[in-house]
Amino acid sequence: MNKQQIIANFDPSQPGLADATVFGLPFSAEDSEIIVIPVPWEVTVSYGAGASEGPDAVMDASFQVDLNHQDFPELWKLGIFMEEAPKHWKTNSDKYKSLAQPIIEALEAGEDIETFPALQSDLDKINKVCRELHTKVKEKVLYWTNKGKKVVLLGGDHSTPLGYYEALASQHDNFGILHLDAHMDLRIAYEGFTFSHASIMYNALQIPQISKIVQVGIRDFCEQEVEVVMKSNGRVLVNTDADLKAETFQGKTWEAQCDTIIASLPQKVCISFDIDGMYPWYCPNTGTPVPGGFSFEQATYLFNKLAESGKEIIGFDLVEVAPGESDDWDGNVGARMLFHMCGVLAKNNGLNTGKKIVFPRT
């Protein structure tokens, strides 16, 4: 069957097909406009674990997402396909994560890793394998974008999008990152790991094509990160949770705050969404939760406004979803956010997502 025949024979009101791709959709990669690249990786985590299980948790929960989205009721017809991650990615994540833990423990004990040849050797191996992962991610992104697909990344911890950004940088001369997170992620080689989850935005700054990073929801940072911001000459703008909340207490609306955030971005934008940017009850099992944050609806409102702003959204990543042992709440939230963000990306890029459903209310 061709794509139109598949659409005609698929009932979006029924439960998702068990043998289908993400969201229970019946499309192949070739028939899908959006490709999701899962990266089950968390080698350098230093606190909570589980992010490498995030893509599977989102995939499992996605079958419960109703496809008739109020903002994007025709989104499903475009096709969203999640690739299968190479099995050795998760295997390597587990293997090198176990090598990383003694290094982290030694550093926390105040030891100098260079005086422990075995630990230094393991650190070098970890940095090498992380670099190899980012290169493979970049290759996957370029493979699909060269086929005309819109490509998004699903982590994994927040180190995983670096190769994604490098791929975008090979196609766009100038773009910014809208970074939603509880943390700045501007640490330099945190705990000796060049590609730490806590260093992703510092590493992004090493990519010349990334002209600006605009951070939203930040509420945890160190002195080194503040110094990086202050020396960035306006290349990093920070909207802390405390500052945003203070403005709302004084009467400034979220709509006005979103307008200010969007105006500070360059014309081309990639969204980087660490799930711990939201209130912790949305993501109780994420690796490094911090009190405070924004709501699911605040995030989707910002994304909708960005989509309608005249800026060009060139991609997004969603990271740090970690499933719980007793429920699938984190995966559920992640799946619904992924679906909404796919709608935002598609609509902004001129794809037909349908007309918003307006219900009678009075």
Foldseek 3Di string as FASTA:
>chain_A
DALVVQVVPDDLQDFADPPDFALNANDDLLQAQEEEEEQLAAQQFDFFDFQSCQVVLLRVLSRVDRQCDQAFRQLPSRPYGYDDHDPVRNVVRVVLSVLNVVLSVCVVVVHDQVVPVVNVVSLVVQLVVLVVQLCVVLVVLLVVVVVVHQYAYEDDAQLNCLSVLVNVVVVAQAFEEEEQAQAPLCDCCVSVRNSHSSRNVVSSVVRNRHQAYEYPQHDDYDPVSVVCCVPSVHRYHYDHQVNVVVVVVVPDDLVNVLVVSLVSTDQEYEYEYEPLQAACVQQVRFGDHDHGHHHPVSVLVSLQCNLVVNRQYRYYYYGRQGADPPDSRSSNSVNVSVSSNSSSNCVSVPHRSDHRDDDDDD
